């Protein structure tokens, strides 16, 4: 249940990503990591603070941070 209410949500679009590692370098909470395939993934999504720095620093728009409103969580 708690996992269903996790906010924010990190969305990474590998089909757009150019593997530049800007998101990994920018993440202040070490949520974003680079996988063996060279693409980023959210290793510690529960630690994401929704600062949007990774999203802002991505040169191609391959990463989005979604923050649901309280009424979208079913609470």
PDB file of N, CA and C in Angstrom:
ATOM      1  N   UNK A   1       0.820  -1.201   0.000  1.00  0.00           N
ATOM      2  CA  UNK A   1       0.000   0.000   0.000  1.00  0.00           C
ATOM      3  C   UNK A   1       0.860   1.260   0.000  1.00  0.00           C
ATOM      4  N   UNK A   2       1.834   1.321   0.886  1.00  0.00           N
ATOM      5  CA  UNK A   2       2.690   2.506   0.961  1.00  0.00           C
ATOM      6  C   UNK A   2       3.418   2.751  -0.351  1.00  0.00           C
ATOM      7  N   UNK A   3       3.805   1.677  -1.030  1.00  0.00           N
ATOM      8  CA  UNK A   3       4.489   1.826  -2.299  1.00  0.00           C
ATOM      9  C   UNK A   3       3.557   2.436  -3.348  1.00  0.00           C
ATOM     10  N   UNK A   4       2.267   2.131  -3.287  1.00  0.00           N
ATOM     11  CA  UNK A   4       1.295   2.698  -4.221  1.00  0.00           C
ATOM     12  C   UNK A   4       1.183   4.212  -4.050  1.00  0.00           C
ATOM     13  N   UNK A   5       1.446   4.707  -2.852  1.00  0.00           N
ATOM     14  CA  UNK A   5       1.314   6.132  -2.567  1.00  0.00           C
ATOM     15  C   UNK A   5       2.630   6.887  -2.723  1.00  0.00           C
ATOM     16  N   UNK A   6       3.665   6.190  -3.198  1.00  0.00           N
ATOM     17  CA  UNK A   6       4.978   6.821  -3.305  1.00  0.00           C
ATOM     18  C   UNK A   6       4.937   8.050  -4.200  1.00  0.00           C
ATOM     19  N   UNK A   7       5.432   9.113  -3.688  1.00  0.00           N
ATOM     20  CA  UNK A   7       5.555  10.362  -4.431  1.00  0.00           C
ATOM     21  C   UNK A   7       6.944  10.914  -4.211  1.00  0.00           C
ATOM     22  N   UNK A   8       7.575  11.450  -5.146  1.00  0.00           N
ATOM     23  CA  UNK A   8       7.257  11.524  -6.570  1.00  0.00           C
ATOM     24  C   UNK A   8       7.643  10.247  -7.319  1.00  0.00           C
ATOM     25  N   UNK A   9       7.304  10.213  -8.591  1.00  0.00           N
ATOM     26  CA  UNK A   9       7.586   9.072  -9.465  1.00  0.00           C
ATOM     27  C   UNK A   9       8.599   9.499 -10.521  1.00  0.00           C
ATOM     28  N   UNK A  10       9.663   8.722 -10.649  1.00  0.00           N
ATOM     29  CA  UNK A  10      10.708   9.010 -11.634  1.00  0.00           C
ATOM     30  C   UNK A  10      10.404   8.221 -12.904  1.00  0.00           C
ATOM     31  N   UNK A  11      10.297   8.922 -14.019  1.00  0.00           N
ATOM     32  CA  UNK A  11      10.053   8.280 -15.311  1.00  0.00           C
ATOM     33  C   UNK A  11      11.234   8.551 -16.226  1.00  0.00           C
ATOM     34  N   UNK A  12      11.850   7.484 -16.729  1.00  0.00           N
ATOM     35  CA  UNK A  12      13.010   7.611 -17.605  1.00  0.00           C
ATOM     36  C   UNK A  12      12.660   6.955 -18.940  1.00  0.00           C
ATOM     37  N   UNK A  13      12.808   7.698 -20.012  1.00  0.00           N
ATOM     38  CA  UNK A  13      12.462   7.231 -21.349  1.00  0.00           C
ATOM     39  C   UNK A  13      13.742   6.858 -22.099  1.00  0.00           C
ATOM     40  N   UNK A  14      14.073   5.565 -22.081  1.00  0.00           N
ATOM     41  CA  UNK A  14      15.305   5.099 -22.710  1.00  0.00           C
ATOM     42  C   UNK A  14      15.319   5.334 -24.213  1.00  0.00           C
ATOM     43  N   UNK A  15      14.142   5.349 -24.828  1.00  0.00           N
ATOM     44  CA  UNK A  15      14.092   5.557 -26.278  1.00  0.00           C
ATOM     45  C   UNK A  15      14.492   6.981 -26.668  1.00  0.00           C
ATOM     46  N   UNK A  16      14.493   7.888 -25.707  1.00  0.00           N
ATOM     47  CA  UNK A  16      14.883   9.280 -25.938  1.00  0.00           C
ATOM     48  C   UNK A  16      16.291   9.547 -25.398  1.00  0.00           C
ATOM     49  N   UNK A  17      16.676   8.832 -24.364  1.00  0.00           N
ATOM     50  CA  UNK A  17      17.939   9.038 -23.655  1.00  0.00           C
ATOM     51  C   UNK A  17      19.153   8.880 -24.572  1.00  0.00           C
ATOM     52  N   UNK A  18      20.147   9.754 -24.389  1.00  0.00           N
ATOM     53  CA  UNK A  18      21.388   9.686 -25.162  1.00  0.00           C
ATOM     54  C   UNK A  18      22.562   9.233 -24.298  1.00  0.00           C
ATOM     55  N   UNK A  19      22.277   8.735 -23.102  1.00  0.00           N
ATOM     56  CA  UNK A  19      23.297   8.204 -22.182  1.00  0.00           C
ATOM     57  C   UNK A  19      24.390   9.212 -21.849  1.00  0.00           C
ATOM     58  N   UNK A  20      23.998  10.439 -21.602  1.00  0.00           N
ATOM     59  CA  UNK A  20      24.986  11.481 -21.314  1.00  0.00           C
ATOM     60  C   UNK A  20      25.370  11.541 -19.831  1.00  0.00           C
ATOM     61  N   UNK A  21      24.615  10.904 -18.963  1.00  0.00           N
ATOM     62  CA  UNK A  21      24.798  10.829 -17.503  1.00  0.00           C
ATOM     63  C   UNK A  21      24.544  12.151 -16.774  1.00  0.00           C
ATOM     64  N   UNK A  22      23.961  13.129 -17.439  1.00  0.00           N
ATOM     65  CA  UNK A  22      23.687  14.419 -16.795  1.00  0.00           C
ATOM     66  C   UNK A  22      22.752  14.245 -15.600  1.00  0.00           C
ATOM     67  N   UNK A  23      21.774  13.361 -15.705  1.00  0.00           N
ATOM     68  CA  UNK A  23      20.827  13.157 -14.609  1.00  0.00           C
ATOM     69  C   UNK A  23      21.508  12.545 -13.392  1.00  0.00           C
ATOM     70  N   UNK A  24      22.380  11.592 -13.614  1.00  0.00           N
ATOM     71  CA  UNK A  24      23.127  10.956 -12.531  1.00  0.00           C
ATOM     72  C   UNK A  24      24.033  11.974 -11.840  1.00  0.00           C
ATOM     73  N   UNK A  25      24.698  12.785 -12.630  1.00  0.00           N
ATOM     74  CA  UNK A  25      25.583  13.814 -12.076  1.00  0.00           C
ATOM     75  C   UNK A  25      24.808  14.864 -11.285  1.00  0.00           C
ATOM     76  N   UNK A  26      23.599  15.166 -11.716  1.00  0.00           N
ATOM     77  CA  UNK A  26      22.811  16.238 -11.117  1.00  0.00           C
ATOM     78  C   UNK A  26      22.059  15.835  -9.857  1.00  0.00           C
ATOM     79  N   UNK A  27      21.728  14.563  -9.696  1.00  0.00           N
ATOM     80  CA  UNK A  27      20.856  14.126  -8.608  1.00  0.00           C
ATOM     81  C   UNK A  27      21.506  14.309  -7.235  1.00  0.00           C
ATOM     82  N   UNK A  28      20.964  15.209  -6.409  1.00  0.00           N
ATOM     83  CA  UNK A  28      21.571  15.475  -5.104  1.00  0.00           C
ATOM     84  C   UNK A  28      21.321  14.387  -4.067  1.00  0.00           C
ATOM     85  N   UNK A  29      20.337  13.513  -4.298  1.00  0.00           N
ATOM     86  CA  UNK A  29      20.028  12.463  -3.328  1.00  0.00           C
ATOM     87  C   UNK A  29      20.464  11.084  -3.805  1.00  0.00           C
ATOM     88  N   UNK A  30      21.217  11.015  -4.896  1.00  0.00           N
ATOM     89  CA  UNK A  30      21.778   9.766  -5.408  1.00  0.00           C
ATOM     90  C   UNK A  30      20.701   8.748  -5.787  1.00  0.00           C
ATOM     91  N   UNK A  31      19.564   9.232  -6.243  1.00  0.00           N
ATOM     92  CA  UNK A  31      18.470   8.357  -6.669  1.00  0.00           C
ATOM     93  C   UNK A  31      18.775   7.756  -8.033  1.00  0.00           C
ATOM     94  N   UNK A  32      19.280   8.564  -8.934  1.00  0.00           N
ATOM     95  CA  UNK A  32      19.541   8.144 -10.307  1.00  0.00           C
ATOM     96  C   UNK A  32      20.910   7.482 -10.398  1.00  0.00           C
ATOM     97  N   UNK A  33      20.931   6.334 -11.014  1.00  0.00           N
ATOM     98  CA  UNK A  33      22.178   5.600 -11.255  1.00  0.00           C
ATOM     99  C   UNK A  33      22.241   5.228 -12.733  1.00  0.00           C
ATOM    100  N   UNK A  34      23.442   4.935 -13.202  1.00  0.00           N
ATOM    101  CA  UNK A  34      23.632   4.488 -14.573  1.00  0.00           C
ATOM    102  C   UNK A  34      23.827   2.978 -14.544  1.00  0.00           C
ATOM    103  N   UNK A  35      22.998   2.278 -15.329  1.00  0.00           N
ATOM    104  CA  UNK A  35      23.051   0.823 -15.371  1.00  0.00           C
ATOM    105  C   UNK A  35      24.174   0.308 -16.254  1.00  0.00           C
ATOM    106  N   UNK A  36      24.354  -0.980 -16.246  1.00  0.00           N
ATOM    107  CA  UNK A  36      25.382  -1.619 -17.065  1.00  0.00           C
ATOM    108  C   UNK A  36      25.143  -1.396 -18.553  1.00  0.00           C
ATOM    109  N   UNK A  37      23.879  -1.132 -18.909  1.00  0.00           N
ATOM    110  CA  UNK A  37      23.545  -0.868 -20.309  1.00  0.00           C
ATOM    111  C   UNK A  37      23.831   0.578 -20.714  1.00  0.00           C
ATOM    112  N   UNK A  38      24.290   1.399 -19.754  1.00  0.00           N
ATOM    113  CA  UNK A  38      24.619   2.786 -20.045  1.00  0.00           C
ATOM    114  C   UNK A  38      23.470   3.753 -19.865  1.00  0.00           C
ATOM    115  N   UNK A  39      22.303   3.242 -19.515  1.00  0.00           N
ATOM    116  CA  UNK A  39      21.127   4.083 -19.349  1.00  0.00           C
ATOM    117  C   UNK A  39      20.816   4.308 -17.870  1.00  0.00           C
ATOM    118  N   UNK A  40      20.253   5.449 -17.547  1.00  0.00           N
ATOM    119  CA  UNK A  40      19.916   5.733 -16.151  1.00  0.00           C
ATOM    120  C   UNK A  40      18.698   4.951 -15.680  1.00  0.00           C
ATOM    121  N   UNK A  41      18.636   4.734 -14.377  1.00  0.00           N
ATOM    122  CA  UNK A  41      17.474   4.131 -13.746  1.00  0.00           C
ATOM    123  C   UNK A  41      17.370   4.682 -12.329  1.00  0.00           C
ATOM    124  N   UNK A  42      16.192   4.585 -11.766  1.00  0.00           N
ATOM    125  CA  UNK A  42      15.953   5.102 -10.411  1.00  0.00           C
ATOM    126  C   UNK A  42      16.207   3.985  -9.408  1.00  0.00           C
ATOM    127  N   UNK A  43      17.405   3.959  -8.851  1.00  0.00           N
ATOM    128  CA  UNK A  43      17.764   2.907  -7.900  1.00  0.00           C
ATOM    129  C   UNK A  43      17.090   3.117  -6.549  1.00  0.00           C
ATOM    130  N   UNK A  44      17.035   4.348  -6.097  1.00  0.00           N
ATOM    131  CA  UNK A  44      16.462   4.666  -4.785  1.00  0.00           C
ATOM    132  C   UNK A  44      15.305   5.647  -4.936  1.00  0.00           C
ATOM    133  N   UNK A  45      14.302   5.256  -5.697  1.00  0.00           N
ATOM    134  CA  UNK A  45      13.177   6.145  -5.992  1.00  0.00           C
ATOM    135  C   UNK A  45      12.504   6.665  -4.721  1.00  0.00           C
ATOM    136  N   UNK A  46      12.485   5.857  -3.672  1.00  0.00           N
ATOM    137  CA  UNK A  46      11.857   6.283  -2.420  1.00  0.00           C
ATOM    138  C   UNK A  46      12.582   7.463  -1.773  1.00  0.00           C
ATOM    139  N   UNK A  47      13.824   7.728  -2.185  1.00  0.00           N
ATOM    140  CA  UNK A  47      14.581   8.858  -1.655  1.00  0.00           C
ATOM    141  C   UNK A  47      14.423  10.132  -2.489  1.00  0.00           C
ATOM    142  N   UNK A  48      13.726  10.039  -3.616  1.00  0.00           N
ATOM    143  CA  UNK A  48      13.545  11.202  -4.489  1.00  0.00           C
ATOM    144  C   UNK A  48      12.774  12.292  -3.753  1.00  0.00           C
ATOM    145  N   UNK A  49      13.308  13.495  -3.801  1.00  0.00           N
ATOM    146  CA  UNK A  49      12.703  14.644  -3.137  1.00  0.00           C
ATOM    147  C   UNK A  49      11.895  15.517  -4.090  1.00  0.00           C
ATOM    148  N   UNK A  50      11.853  15.122  -5.352  1.00  0.00           N
ATOM    149  CA  UNK A  50      11.085  15.895  -6.333  1.00  0.00           C
ATOM    150  C   UNK A  50      11.677  17.261  -6.609  1.00  0.00           C
ATOM    151  N   UNK A  51      12.987  17.347  -6.626  1.00  0.00           N
ATOM    152  CA  UNK A  51      13.639  18.641  -6.854  1.00  0.00           C
ATOM    153  C   UNK A  51      13.671  19.022  -8.335  1.00  0.00           C
ATOM    154  N   UNK A  52      13.467  18.052  -9.230  1.00  0.00           N
ATOM    155  CA  UNK A  52      13.418  18.255 -10.686  1.00  0.00           C
ATOM    156  C   UNK A  52      14.758  18.597 -11.326  1.00  0.00           C
ATOM    157  N   UNK A  53      15.848  18.560 -10.585  1.00  0.00           N
ATOM    158  CA  UNK A  53      17.152  18.919 -11.154  1.00  0.00           C
ATOM    159  C   UNK A  53      17.531  17.966 -12.282  1.00  0.00           C
ATOM    160  N   UNK A  54      17.286  16.673 -12.098  1.00  0.00           N
ATOM    161  CA  UNK A  54      17.620  15.715 -13.159  1.00  0.00           C
ATOM    162  C   UNK A  54      16.810  16.005 -14.422  1.00  0.00           C
ATOM    163  N   UNK A  55      15.553  16.334 -14.235  1.00  0.00           N
ATOM    164  CA  UNK A  55      14.687  16.653 -15.374  1.00  0.00           C
ATOM    165  C   UNK A  55      15.169  17.911 -16.082  1.00  0.00           C
ATOM    166  N   UNK A  56      15.507  18.921 -15.318  1.00  0.00           N
ATOM    167  CA  UNK A  56      15.957  20.186 -15.904  1.00  0.00           C
ATOM    168  C   UNK A  56      17.299  20.051 -16.612  1.00  0.00           C
ATOM    169  N   UNK A  57      18.182  19.187 -16.082  1.00  0.00           N
ATOM    170  CA  UNK A  57      19.515  19.044 -16.667  1.00  0.00           C
ATOM    171  C   UNK A  57      19.573  18.104 -17.869  1.00  0.00           C
ATOM    172  N   UNK A  58      18.533  17.316 -18.094  1.00  0.00           N
ATOM    173  CA  UNK A  58      18.535  16.394 -19.235  1.00  0.00           C
ATOM    174  C   UNK A  58      18.429  17.198 -20.533  1.00  0.00           C
ATOM    175  N   UNK A  59      19.425  17.061 -21.410  1.00  0.00           N
ATOM    176  CA  UNK A  59      19.420  17.874 -22.633  1.00  0.00           C
ATOM    177  C   UNK A  59      18.376  17.443 -23.665  1.00  0.00           C
ATOM    178  N   UNK A  60      17.802  16.244 -23.507  1.00  0.00           N
ATOM    179  CA  UNK A  60      16.845  15.756 -24.511  1.00  0.00           C
ATOM    180  C   UNK A  60      15.460  15.468 -23.941  1.00  0.00           C
ATOM    181  N   UNK A  61      15.233  15.777 -22.674  1.00  0.00           N
ATOM    182  CA  UNK A  61      13.919  15.567 -22.072  1.00  0.00           C
ATOM    183  C   UNK A  61      13.555  14.106 -21.852  1.00  0.00           C
ATOM    184  N   UNK A  62      14.554  13.276 -21.543  1.00  0.00           N
ATOM    185  CA  UNK A  62      14.322  11.842 -21.380  1.00  0.00           C
ATOM    186  C   UNK A  62      13.925  11.446 -19.960  1.00  0.00           C
ATOM    187  N   UNK A  63      13.867  12.393 -19.062  1.00  0.00           N
ATOM    188  CA  UNK A  63      13.505  12.079 -17.684  1.00  0.00           C
ATOM    189  C   UNK A  63      12.448  13.054 -17.200  1.00  0.00           C
ATOM    190  N   UNK A  64      11.446  12.497 -16.528  1.00  0.00           N
ATOM    191  CA  UNK A  64      10.351  13.307 -15.984  1.00  0.00           C
ATOM    192  C   UNK A  64      10.108  12.894 -14.541  1.00  0.00           C
ATOM    193  N   UNK A  65       9.824  13.867 -13.721  1.00  0.00           N
ATOM    194  CA  UNK A  65       9.445  13.621 -12.337  1.00  0.00           C
ATOM    195  C   UNK A  65       7.969  13.961 -12.228  1.00  0.00           C
ATOM    196  N   UNK A  66       7.189  12.982 -11.807  1.00  0.00           N
ATOM    197  CA  UNK A  66       5.748  13.171 -11.651  1.00  0.00           C
ATOM    198  C   UNK A  66       5.428  13.267 -10.169  1.00  0.00           C
ATOM    199  N   UNK A  67       4.733  14.313  -9.810  1.00  0.00           N
ATOM    200  CA  UNK A  67       4.315  14.500  -8.424  1.00  0.00           C
ATOM    201  C   UNK A  67       2.804  14.566  -8.416  1.00  0.00           C
ATOM    202  N   UNK A  68       2.169  13.535  -7.866  1.00  0.00           N
ATOM    203  CA  UNK A  68       0.705  13.484  -7.811  1.00  0.00           C
ATOM    204  C   UNK A  68       0.190  14.426  -6.718  1.00  0.00           C
ATOM    205  N   UNK A  69      -0.969  14.918  -6.947  1.00  0.00           N
ATOM    206  CA  UNK A  69      -1.627  15.745  -5.936  1.00  0.00           C
ATOM    207  C   UNK A  69      -2.274  14.830  -4.896  1.00  0.00           C
ATOM    208  N   UNK A  70      -2.511  15.317  -3.715  1.00  0.00           N
ATOM    209  CA  UNK A  70      -3.051  14.482  -2.640  1.00  0.00           C
ATOM    210  C   UNK A  70      -4.369  13.817  -3.042  1.00  0.00           C
ATOM    211  N   UNK A  71      -5.190  14.487  -3.846  1.00  0.00           N
ATOM    212  CA  UNK A  71      -6.487  13.905  -4.223  1.00  0.00           C
ATOM    213  C   UNK A  71      -6.354  12.826  -5.285  1.00  0.00           C
ATOM    214  N   UNK A  72      -5.169  12.713  -5.926  1.00  0.00           N
ATOM    215  CA  UNK A  72      -4.940  11.655  -6.903  1.00  0.00           C
ATOM    216  C   UNK A  72      -4.462  10.368  -6.255  1.00  0.00           C
ATOM    217  N   UNK A  73      -4.139  10.404  -4.971  1.00  0.00           N
ATOM    218  CA  UNK A  73      -3.600   9.226  -4.288  1.00  0.00           C
ATOM    219  C   UNK A  73      -4.682   8.366  -3.666  1.00  0.00           C
ATOM    220  N   UNK A  74      -5.929   8.838  -3.653  1.00  0.00           N
ATOM    221  CA  UNK A  74      -7.002   8.081  -3.071  1.00  0.00           C
ATOM    222  C   UNK A  74      -7.133   8.271  -1.560  1.00  0.00           C
ATOM    223  N   UNK A  75      -6.458   9.237  -1.026  1.00  0.00           N
ATOM    224  CA  UNK A  75      -6.511   9.509   0.414  1.00  0.00           C
ATOM    225  C   UNK A  75      -7.656  10.400   0.770  1.00  0.00           C
TER     226      UNK A  75
END
